[in-house]
């Protein structure tokens, strides 16, 4: 399973979503440390996570409730597989 790398900010949002299981942007911001980022910043990060396949949403009018569609364990497993594949590719390159 090939998952795209997460930025530090994206990972922070994912950690919160895994903790709360689902929530609106305001719920995510509440869990963030001070200084709190702007609403639009977090909204953009969540939408990026959605395009990367980590998050989905339910619509309630103009409001969206976000939830993770990749479990924390699956993300870690995919990262382990990706790291192993990179190591194997490097070993192949090193062989004469």
PDB file of N, CA and C in Angstrom:
ATOM      1  N   UNK A   1       0.850  -1.182   0.000  1.00  0.00           N
ATOM      2  CA  UNK A   1       0.000   0.000   0.000  1.00  0.00           C
ATOM      3  C   UNK A   1       0.889   1.236   0.000  1.00  0.00           C
ATOM      4  N   UNK A   2       0.770   2.039  -1.031  1.00  0.00           N
ATOM      5  CA  UNK A   2       1.594   3.233  -1.163  1.00  0.00           C
ATOM      6  C   UNK A   2       0.838   4.441  -0.622  1.00  0.00           C
ATOM      7  N   UNK A   3       1.262   4.934   0.519  1.00  0.00           N
ATOM      8  CA  UNK A   3       0.671   6.140   1.090  1.00  0.00           C
ATOM      9  C   UNK A   3       1.637   7.290   0.900  1.00  0.00           C
ATOM     10  N   UNK A   4       1.086   8.447   0.635  1.00  0.00           N
ATOM     11  CA  UNK A   4       1.931   9.622   0.479  1.00  0.00           C
ATOM     12  C   UNK A   4       2.468  10.060   1.829  1.00  0.00           C
ATOM     13  N   UNK A   5       3.655  10.646   1.799  1.00  0.00           N
ATOM     14  CA  UNK A   5       4.268  11.165   3.024  1.00  0.00           C
ATOM     15  C   UNK A   5       3.419  12.303   3.581  1.00  0.00           C
ATOM     16  N   UNK A   6       3.421  12.428   4.893  1.00  0.00           N
ATOM     17  CA  UNK A   6       2.707  13.522   5.540  1.00  0.00           C
ATOM     18  C   UNK A   6       3.692  14.574   6.019  1.00  0.00           C
ATOM     19  N   UNK A   7       3.285  15.825   5.896  1.00  0.00           N
ATOM     20  CA  UNK A   7       4.076  16.904   6.475  1.00  0.00           C
ATOM     21  C   UNK A   7       3.879  16.877   7.985  1.00  0.00           C
ATOM     22  N   UNK A   8       4.671  17.658   8.688  1.00  0.00           N
ATOM     23  CA  UNK A   8       4.543  17.729  10.146  1.00  0.00           C
ATOM     24  C   UNK A   8       3.140  18.202  10.539  1.00  0.00           C
ATOM     25  N   UNK A   9       2.624  19.208   9.846  1.00  0.00           N
ATOM     26  CA  UNK A   9       1.291  19.742  10.152  1.00  0.00           C
ATOM     27  C   UNK A   9       0.204  18.712   9.850  1.00  0.00           C
ATOM     28  N   UNK A  10       0.343  18.000   8.731  1.00  0.00           N
ATOM     29  CA  UNK A  10      -0.636  16.972   8.385  1.00  0.00           C
ATOM     30  C   UNK A  10      -0.621  15.846   9.413  1.00  0.00           C
ATOM     31  N   UNK A  11       0.574  15.450   9.834  1.00  0.00           N
ATOM     32  CA  UNK A  11       0.689  14.400  10.841  1.00  0.00           C
ATOM     33  C   UNK A  11       0.050  14.842  12.159  1.00  0.00           C
ATOM     34  N   UNK A  12       0.242  16.098  12.524  1.00  0.00           N
ATOM     35  CA  UNK A  12      -0.357  16.619  13.758  1.00  0.00           C
ATOM     36  C   UNK A  12      -1.885  16.528  13.692  1.00  0.00           C
ATOM     37  N   UNK A  13      -2.459  16.906  12.564  1.00  0.00           N
ATOM     38  CA  UNK A  13      -3.914  16.832  12.398  1.00  0.00           C
ATOM     39  C   UNK A  13      -4.380  15.375  12.430  1.00  0.00           C
ATOM     40  N   UNK A  14      -3.637  14.480  11.778  1.00  0.00           N
ATOM     41  CA  UNK A  14      -4.010  13.065  11.794  1.00  0.00           C
ATOM     42  C   UNK A  14      -3.970  12.497  13.205  1.00  0.00           C
ATOM     43  N   UNK A  15      -2.952  12.859  13.975  1.00  0.00           N
ATOM     44  CA  UNK A  15      -2.859  12.375  15.355  1.00  0.00           C
ATOM     45  C   UNK A  15      -4.110  12.779  16.141  1.00  0.00           C
ATOM     46  N   UNK A  16      -4.566  14.007  15.920  1.00  0.00           N
ATOM     47  CA  UNK A  16      -5.768  14.495  16.610  1.00  0.00           C
ATOM     48  C   UNK A  16      -7.005  13.737  16.129  1.00  0.00           C
ATOM     49  N   UNK A  17      -7.139  13.557  14.812  1.00  0.00           N
ATOM     50  CA  UNK A  17      -8.302  12.832  14.290  1.00  0.00           C
ATOM     51  C   UNK A  17      -8.325  11.386  14.774  1.00  0.00           C
ATOM     52  N   UNK A  18      -7.170  10.746  14.855  1.00  0.00           N
ATOM     53  CA  UNK A  18      -7.140   9.381  15.395  1.00  0.00           C
ATOM     54  C   UNK A  18      -7.579   9.379  16.855  1.00  0.00           C
ATOM     55  N   UNK A  19      -7.229  10.424  17.573  1.00  0.00           N
ATOM     56  CA  UNK A  19      -7.592  10.520  18.994  1.00  0.00           C
ATOM     57  C   UNK A  19      -9.097  10.757  19.171  1.00  0.00           C
ATOM     58  N   UNK A  20      -9.650  11.715  18.424  1.00  0.00           N
ATOM     59  CA  UNK A  20     -11.063  12.071  18.607  1.00  0.00           C
ATOM     60  C   UNK A  20     -12.006  11.260  17.709  1.00  0.00           C
ATOM     61  N   UNK A  21     -11.461  10.548  16.737  1.00  0.00           N
ATOM     62  CA  UNK A  21     -12.176   9.661  15.817  1.00  0.00           C
ATOM     63  C   UNK A  21     -12.965  10.378  14.728  1.00  0.00           C
ATOM     64  N   UNK A  22     -13.563  11.496  15.024  1.00  0.00           N
ATOM     65  CA  UNK A  22     -14.230  12.325  14.017  1.00  0.00           C
ATOM     66  C   UNK A  22     -14.426  13.704  14.610  1.00  0.00           C
ATOM     67  N   UNK A  23     -14.471  14.712  13.732  1.00  0.00           N
ATOM     68  CA  UNK A  23     -14.673  16.054  14.249  1.00  0.00           C
ATOM     69  C   UNK A  23     -14.681  17.104  13.160  1.00  0.00           C
ATOM     70  N   UNK A  24     -15.186  18.251  13.538  1.00  0.00           N
ATOM     71  CA  UNK A  24     -15.194  19.413  12.664  1.00  0.00           C
ATOM     72  C   UNK A  24     -13.855  20.130  12.810  1.00  0.00           C
ATOM     73  N   UNK A  25     -13.563  21.044  11.909  1.00  0.00           N
ATOM     74  CA  UNK A  25     -12.297  21.780  11.964  1.00  0.00           C
ATOM     75  C   UNK A  25     -12.127  22.435  13.330  1.00  0.00           C
ATOM     76  N   UNK A  26     -13.197  23.003  13.868  1.00  0.00           N
ATOM     77  CA  UNK A  26     -13.100  23.668  15.184  1.00  0.00           C
ATOM     78  C   UNK A  26     -12.705  22.682  16.284  1.00  0.00           C
ATOM     79  N   UNK A  27     -13.161  21.426  16.173  1.00  0.00           N
ATOM     80  CA  UNK A  27     -12.795  20.401  17.159  1.00  0.00           C
ATOM     81  C   UNK A  27     -11.303  20.072  17.088  1.00  0.00           C
ATOM     82  N   UNK A  28     -10.787  20.030  15.874  1.00  0.00           N
ATOM     83  CA  UNK A  28      -9.359  19.760  15.679  1.00  0.00           C
ATOM     84  C   UNK A  28      -8.538  20.900  16.268  1.00  0.00           C
ATOM     85  N   UNK A  29      -8.957  22.133  15.988  1.00  0.00           N
ATOM     86  CA  UNK A  29      -8.236  23.308  16.491  1.00  0.00           C
ATOM     87  C   UNK A  29      -8.219  23.317  18.018  1.00  0.00           C
ATOM     88  N   UNK A  30      -9.337  22.943  18.647  1.00  0.00           N
ATOM     89  CA  UNK A  30      -9.407  22.910  20.118  1.00  0.00           C
ATOM     90  C   UNK A  30      -8.334  22.014  20.723  1.00  0.00           C
ATOM     91  N   UNK A  31      -7.984  20.935  20.037  1.00  0.00           N
ATOM     92  CA  UNK A  31      -7.004  19.972  20.548  1.00  0.00           C
ATOM     93  C   UNK A  31      -5.558  20.381  20.253  1.00  0.00           C
ATOM     94  N   UNK A  32      -5.378  21.419  19.449  1.00  0.00           N
ATOM     95  CA  UNK A  32      -4.030  21.843  19.061  1.00  0.00           C
ATOM     96  C   UNK A  32      -3.415  22.734  20.137  1.00  0.00           C
ATOM     97  N   UNK A  33      -2.085  22.676  20.260  1.00  0.00           N
ATOM     98  CA  UNK A  33      -1.416  23.515  21.260  1.00  0.00           C
ATOM     99  C   UNK A  33      -1.411  24.983  20.841  1.00  0.00           C
ATOM    100  N   UNK A  34      -1.182  25.839  21.809  1.00  0.00           N
ATOM    101  CA  UNK A  34      -1.030  27.275  21.534  1.00  0.00           C
ATOM    102  C   UNK A  34       0.318  27.502  20.870  1.00  0.00           C
ATOM    103  N   UNK A  35       0.451  28.452  20.019  1.00  0.00           N
ATOM    104  CA  UNK A  35      -0.599  29.293  19.436  1.00  0.00           C
ATOM    105  C   UNK A  35      -1.415  28.485  18.426  1.00  0.00           C
ATOM    106  N   UNK A  36      -2.716  28.629  18.503  1.00  0.00           N
ATOM    107  CA  UNK A  36      -3.624  27.896  17.626  1.00  0.00           C
ATOM    108  C   UNK A  36      -3.499  28.428  16.196  1.00  0.00           C
ATOM    109  N   UNK A  37      -3.478  27.531  15.214  1.00  0.00           N
ATOM    110  CA  UNK A  37      -3.445  27.985  13.821  1.00  0.00           C
ATOM    111  C   UNK A  37      -4.798  28.564  13.413  1.00  0.00           C
ATOM    112  N   UNK A  38      -4.810  29.291  12.323  1.00  0.00           N
ATOM    113  CA  UNK A  38      -6.048  29.871  11.805  1.00  0.00           C
ATOM    114  C   UNK A  38      -6.979  28.764  11.309  1.00  0.00           C
ATOM    115  N   UNK A  39      -8.260  29.022  11.374  1.00  0.00           N
ATOM    116  CA  UNK A  39      -9.272  28.072  10.912  1.00  0.00           C
ATOM    117  C   UNK A  39      -8.992  27.654   9.470  1.00  0.00           C
ATOM    118  N   UNK A  40      -8.724  28.639   8.598  1.00  0.00           N
ATOM    119  CA  UNK A  40      -8.486  28.337   7.181  1.00  0.00           C
ATOM    120  C   UNK A  40      -7.272  27.440   6.980  1.00  0.00           C
ATOM    121  N   UNK A  41      -6.263  27.596   7.824  1.00  0.00           N
ATOM    122  CA  UNK A  41      -5.061  26.768   7.728  1.00  0.00           C
ATOM    123  C   UNK A  41      -5.404  25.308   8.001  1.00  0.00           C
ATOM    124  N   UNK A  42      -6.123  25.064   9.085  1.00  0.00           N
ATOM    125  CA  UNK A  42      -6.493  23.690   9.446  1.00  0.00           C
ATOM    126  C   UNK A  42      -7.455  23.113   8.409  1.00  0.00           C
ATOM    127  N   UNK A  43      -8.372  23.920   7.929  1.00  0.00           N
ATOM    128  CA  UNK A  43      -9.304  23.476   6.902  1.00  0.00           C
ATOM    129  C   UNK A  43      -8.553  23.030   5.644  1.00  0.00           C
ATOM    130  N   UNK A  44      -7.558  23.786   5.252  1.00  0.00           N
ATOM    131  CA  UNK A  44      -6.745  23.433   4.086  1.00  0.00           C
ATOM    132  C   UNK A  44      -5.992  22.131   4.321  1.00  0.00           C
ATOM    133  N   UNK A  45      -5.408  21.972   5.494  1.00  0.00           N
ATOM    134  CA  UNK A  45      -4.661  20.752   5.815  1.00  0.00           C
ATOM    135  C   UNK A  45      -5.575  19.530   5.747  1.00  0.00           C
ATOM    136  N   UNK A  46      -6.779  19.647   6.294  1.00  0.00           N
ATOM    137  CA  UNK A  46      -7.713  18.519   6.291  1.00  0.00           C
ATOM    138  C   UNK A  46      -8.116  18.166   4.862  1.00  0.00           C
ATOM    139  N   UNK A  47      -8.332  19.166   4.028  1.00  0.00           N
ATOM    140  CA  UNK A  47      -8.691  18.896   2.633  1.00  0.00           C
ATOM    141  C   UNK A  47      -7.535  18.235   1.880  1.00  0.00           C
ATOM    142  N   UNK A  48      -6.303  18.625   2.193  1.00  0.00           N
ATOM    143  CA  UNK A  48      -5.137  17.969   1.592  1.00  0.00           C
ATOM    144  C   UNK A  48      -5.083  16.506   2.036  1.00  0.00           C
ATOM    145  N   UNK A  49      -5.328  16.267   3.324  1.00  0.00           N
ATOM    146  CA  UNK A  49      -5.352  14.890   3.832  1.00  0.00           C
ATOM    147  C   UNK A  49      -6.423  14.062   3.124  1.00  0.00           C
ATOM    148  N   UNK A  50      -7.513  14.709   2.781  1.00  0.00           N
ATOM    149  CA  UNK A  50      -8.577  14.011   2.058  1.00  0.00           C
ATOM    150  C   UNK A  50      -8.105  13.624   0.659  1.00  0.00           C
ATOM    151  N   UNK A  51      -7.408  14.521  -0.019  1.00  0.00           N
ATOM    152  CA  UNK A  51      -6.905  14.197  -1.361  1.00  0.00           C
ATOM    153  C   UNK A  51      -5.813  13.131  -1.310  1.00  0.00           C
ATOM    154  N   UNK A  52      -5.100  13.044  -0.198  1.00  0.00           N
ATOM    155  CA  UNK A  52      -4.057  12.027  -0.036  1.00  0.00           C
ATOM    156  C   UNK A  52      -4.630  10.675   0.391  1.00  0.00           C
ATOM    157  N   UNK A  53      -5.928  10.625   0.691  1.00  0.00           N
ATOM    158  CA  UNK A  53      -6.574   9.369   1.033  1.00  0.00           C
ATOM    159  C   UNK A  53      -6.533   8.988   2.499  1.00  0.00           C
ATOM    160  N   UNK A  54      -6.249   9.936   3.375  1.00  0.00           N
ATOM    161  CA  UNK A  54      -6.200   9.661   4.805  1.00  0.00           C
ATOM    162  C   UNK A  54      -7.509   9.980   5.515  1.00  0.00           C
ATOM    163  N   UNK A  55      -8.298  10.883   4.946  1.00  0.00           N
ATOM    164  CA  UNK A  55      -9.473  11.436   5.624  1.00  0.00           C
ATOM    165  C   UNK A  55     -10.643  11.473   4.649  1.00  0.00           C
ATOM    166  N   UNK A  56     -11.847  11.347   5.191  1.00  0.00           N
ATOM    167  CA  UNK A  56     -13.062  11.563   4.420  1.00  0.00           C
ATOM    168  C   UNK A  56     -13.978  12.442   5.263  1.00  0.00           C
ATOM    169  N   UNK A  57     -15.138  12.806   4.736  1.00  0.00           N
ATOM    170  CA  UNK A  57     -16.020  13.681   5.507  1.00  0.00           C
ATOM    171  C   UNK A  57     -17.485  13.356   5.263  1.00  0.00           C
ATOM    172  N   UNK A  58     -18.299  13.769   6.223  1.00  0.00           N
ATOM    173  CA  UNK A  58     -19.752  13.799   6.093  1.00  0.00           C
ATOM    174  C   UNK A  58     -20.143  15.265   6.015  1.00  0.00           C
ATOM    175  N   UNK A  59     -21.040  15.585   5.092  1.00  0.00           N
ATOM    176  CA  UNK A  59     -21.488  16.968   4.930  1.00  0.00           C
ATOM    177  C   UNK A  59     -22.776  17.201   5.702  1.00  0.00           C
ATOM    178  N   UNK A  60     -22.813  18.327   6.390  1.00  0.00           N
ATOM    179  CA  UNK A  60     -24.006  18.792   7.094  1.00  0.00           C
ATOM    180  C   UNK A  60     -24.231  20.230   6.647  1.00  0.00           C
ATOM    181  N   UNK A  61     -24.947  20.384   5.548  1.00  0.00           N
ATOM    182  CA  UNK A  61     -25.086  21.716   4.965  1.00  0.00           C
ATOM    183  C   UNK A  61     -23.735  22.168   4.437  1.00  0.00           C
ATOM    184  N   UNK A  62     -23.284  23.317   4.900  1.00  0.00           N
ATOM    185  CA  UNK A  62     -21.986  23.849   4.470  1.00  0.00           C
ATOM    186  C   UNK A  62     -20.839  23.372   5.362  1.00  0.00           C
ATOM    187  N   UNK A  63     -21.164  22.605   6.394  1.00  0.00           N
ATOM    188  CA  UNK A  63     -20.164  22.158   7.363  1.00  0.00           C
ATOM    189  C   UNK A  63     -19.767  20.717   7.071  1.00  0.00           C
ATOM    190  N   UNK A  64     -18.506  20.406   7.323  1.00  0.00           N
ATOM    191  CA  UNK A  64     -18.001  19.050   7.114  1.00  0.00           C
ATOM    192  C   UNK A  64     -17.453  18.478   8.417  1.00  0.00           C
ATOM    193  N   UNK A  65     -17.833  17.240   8.691  1.00  0.00           N
ATOM    194  CA  UNK A  65     -17.269  16.505   9.819  1.00  0.00           C
ATOM    195  C   UNK A  65     -16.284  15.487   9.233  1.00  0.00           C
ATOM    196  N   UNK A  66     -15.032  15.585   9.654  1.00  0.00           N
ATOM    197  CA  UNK A  66     -13.967  14.763   9.096  1.00  0.00           C
ATOM    198  C   UNK A  66     -13.683  13.559   9.975  1.00  0.00           C
ATOM    199  N   UNK A  67     -13.248  12.479   9.339  1.00  0.00           N
ATOM    200  CA  UNK A  67     -12.874  11.270  10.070  1.00  0.00           C
ATOM    201  C   UNK A  67     -11.769  10.545   9.303  1.00  0.00           C
ATOM    202  N   UNK A  68     -10.871   9.876  10.028  1.00  0.00           N
ATOM    203  CA  UNK A  68      -9.787   9.152   9.355  1.00  0.00           C
ATOM    204  C   UNK A  68     -10.317   7.898   8.669  1.00  0.00           C
ATOM    205  N   UNK A  69      -9.799   7.610   7.478  1.00  0.00           N
ATOM    206  CA  UNK A  69     -10.159   6.363   6.798  1.00  0.00           C
ATOM    207  C   UNK A  69      -8.964   5.410   6.763  1.00  0.00           C
ATOM    208  N   UNK A  70      -7.831   5.875   7.224  1.00  0.00           N
ATOM    209  CA  UNK A  70      -6.643   5.042   7.395  1.00  0.00           C
ATOM    210  C   UNK A  70      -6.389   4.956   8.893  1.00  0.00           C
ATOM    211  N   UNK A  71      -6.294   3.744   9.403  1.00  0.00           N
ATOM    212  CA  UNK A  71      -6.007   3.609  10.829  1.00  0.00           C
ATOM    213  C   UNK A  71      -4.546   3.953  11.083  1.00  0.00           C
ATOM    214  N   UNK A  72      -4.265   4.308  12.306  1.00  0.00           N
ATOM    215  CA  UNK A  72      -2.894   4.631  12.685  1.00  0.00           C
ATOM    216  C   UNK A  72      -1.985   3.430  12.429  1.00  0.00           C
ATOM    217  N   UNK A  73      -2.456   2.239  12.727  1.00  0.00           N
ATOM    218  CA  UNK A  73      -1.668   1.024  12.503  1.00  0.00           C
ATOM    219  C   UNK A  73      -1.398   0.798  11.022  1.00  0.00           C
ATOM    220  N   UNK A  74      -2.400   1.013  10.163  1.00  0.00           N
ATOM    221  CA  UNK A  74      -2.199   0.838   8.723  1.00  0.00           C
ATOM    222  C   UNK A  74      -1.190   1.828   8.185  1.00  0.00           C
ATOM    223  N   UNK A  75      -1.206   3.048   8.693  1.00  0.00           N
ATOM    224  CA  UNK A  75      -0.237   4.047   8.244  1.00  0.00           C
ATOM    225  C   UNK A  75       1.167   3.587   8.600  1.00  0.00           C
ATOM    226  N   UNK A  76       1.332   3.098   9.817  1.00  0.00           N
ATOM    227  CA  UNK A  76       2.652   2.642  10.243  1.00  0.00           C
ATOM    228  C   UNK A  76       3.090   1.426   9.442  1.00  0.00           C
ATOM    229  N   UNK A  77       2.182   0.487   9.184  1.00  0.00           N
ATOM    230  CA  UNK A  77       2.522  -0.688   8.388  1.00  0.00           C
ATOM    231  C   UNK A  77       2.956  -0.289   6.981  1.00  0.00           C
ATOM    232  N   UNK A  78       2.233   0.634   6.369  1.00  0.00           N
ATOM    233  CA  UNK A  78       2.570   1.081   5.021  1.00  0.00           C
ATOM    234  C   UNK A  78       3.920   1.775   5.007  1.00  0.00           C
ATOM    235  N   UNK A  79       4.213   2.564   6.038  1.00  0.00           N
ATOM    236  CA  UNK A  79       5.514   3.224   6.113  1.00  0.00           C
ATOM    237  C   UNK A  79       6.626   2.197   6.247  1.00  0.00           C
ATOM    238  N   UNK A  80       6.402   1.140   7.029  1.00  0.00           N
ATOM    239  CA  UNK A  80       7.399   0.086   7.181  1.00  0.00           C
ATOM    240  C   UNK A  80       7.666  -0.600   5.847  1.00  0.00           C
ATOM    241  N   UNK A  81       6.604  -0.904   5.107  1.00  0.00           N
ATOM    242  CA  UNK A  81       6.752  -1.548   3.805  1.00  0.00           C
ATOM    243  C   UNK A  81       7.499  -0.627   2.849  1.00  0.00           C
ATOM    244  N   UNK A  82       7.138   0.652   2.824  1.00  0.00           N
ATOM    245  CA  UNK A  82       7.821   1.606   1.946  1.00  0.00           C
ATOM    246  C   UNK A  82       9.299   1.708   2.284  1.00  0.00           C
ATOM    247  N   UNK A  83       9.626   1.752   3.570  1.00  0.00           N
ATOM    248  CA  UNK A  83      11.028   1.843   3.989  1.00  0.00           C
ATOM    249  C   UNK A  83      11.793   0.591   3.573  1.00  0.00           C
ATOM    250  N   UNK A  84      11.180  -0.575   3.728  1.00  0.00           N
ATOM    251  CA  UNK A  84      11.818  -1.827   3.337  1.00  0.00           C
ATOM    252  C   UNK A  84      12.048  -1.874   1.831  1.00  0.00           C
ATOM    253  N   UNK A  85      11.065  -1.431   1.068  1.00  0.00           N
ATOM    254  CA  UNK A  85      11.209  -1.412  -0.396  1.00  0.00           C
ATOM    255  C   UNK A  85      12.352  -0.496  -0.823  1.00  0.00           C
ATOM    256  N   UNK A  86      12.485   0.643  -0.182  1.00  0.00           N
ATOM    257  CA  UNK A  86      13.582   1.559  -0.500  1.00  0.00           C
ATOM    258  C   UNK A  86      14.924   0.924  -0.181  1.00  0.00           C
ATOM    259  N   UNK A  87      15.003   0.205   0.944  1.00  0.00           N
ATOM    260  CA  UNK A  87      16.249  -0.472   1.306  1.00  0.00           C
ATOM    261  C   UNK A  87      16.600  -1.541   0.281  1.00  0.00           C
ATOM    262  N   UNK A  88      15.615  -2.298  -0.171  1.00  0.00           N
ATOM    263  CA  UNK A  88      15.859  -3.328  -1.181  1.00  0.00           C
ATOM    264  C   UNK A  88      16.324  -2.716  -2.498  1.00  0.00           C
ATOM    265  N   UNK A  89      15.716  -1.612  -2.894  1.00  0.00           N
ATOM    266  CA  UNK A  89      16.136  -0.928  -4.115  1.00  0.00           C
ATOM    267  C   UNK A  89      17.578  -0.458  -4.001  1.00  0.00           C
ATOM    268  N   UNK A  90      17.946   0.060  -2.839  1.00  0.00           N
ATOM    269  CA  UNK A  90      19.324   0.510  -2.624  1.00  0.00           C
ATOM    270  C   UNK A  90      20.299  -0.657  -2.666  1.00  0.00           C
ATOM    271  N   UNK A  91      19.903  -1.807  -2.119  1.00  0.00           N
ATOM    272  CA  UNK A  91      20.767  -2.989  -2.164  1.00  0.00           C
ATOM    273  C   UNK A  91      20.984  -3.452  -3.600  1.00  0.00           C
ATOM    274  N   UNK A  92      19.932  -3.413  -4.408  1.00  0.00           N
ATOM    275  CA  UNK A  92      20.049  -3.805  -5.815  1.00  0.00           C
ATOM    276  C   UNK A  92      20.997  -2.876  -6.559  1.00  0.00           C
ATOM    277  N   UNK A  93      20.942  -1.593  -6.250  1.00  0.00           N
ATOM    278  CA  UNK A  93      21.816  -0.613  -6.902  1.00  0.00           C
ATOM    279  C   UNK A  93      23.271  -0.838  -6.527  1.00  0.00           C
ATOM    280  N   UNK A  94      23.507  -1.279  -5.292  1.00  0.00           N
ATOM    281  CA  UNK A  94      24.871  -1.477  -4.805  1.00  0.00           C
ATOM    282  C   UNK A  94      25.518  -2.738  -5.353  1.00  0.00           C
ATOM    283  N   UNK A  95      24.719  -3.685  -5.849  1.00  0.00           N
ATOM    284  CA  UNK A  95      25.282  -4.926  -6.385  1.00  0.00           C
ATOM    285  C   UNK A  95      25.945  -4.656  -7.727  1.00  0.00           C
ATOM    286  N   UNK A  96      27.119  -5.285  -7.957  1.00  0.00           N
ATOM    287  CA  UNK A  96      27.804  -5.094  -9.257  1.00  0.00           C
ATOM    288  C   UNK A  96      27.107  -5.801 -10.386  1.00  0.00           C
TER     289      UNK A  96
END
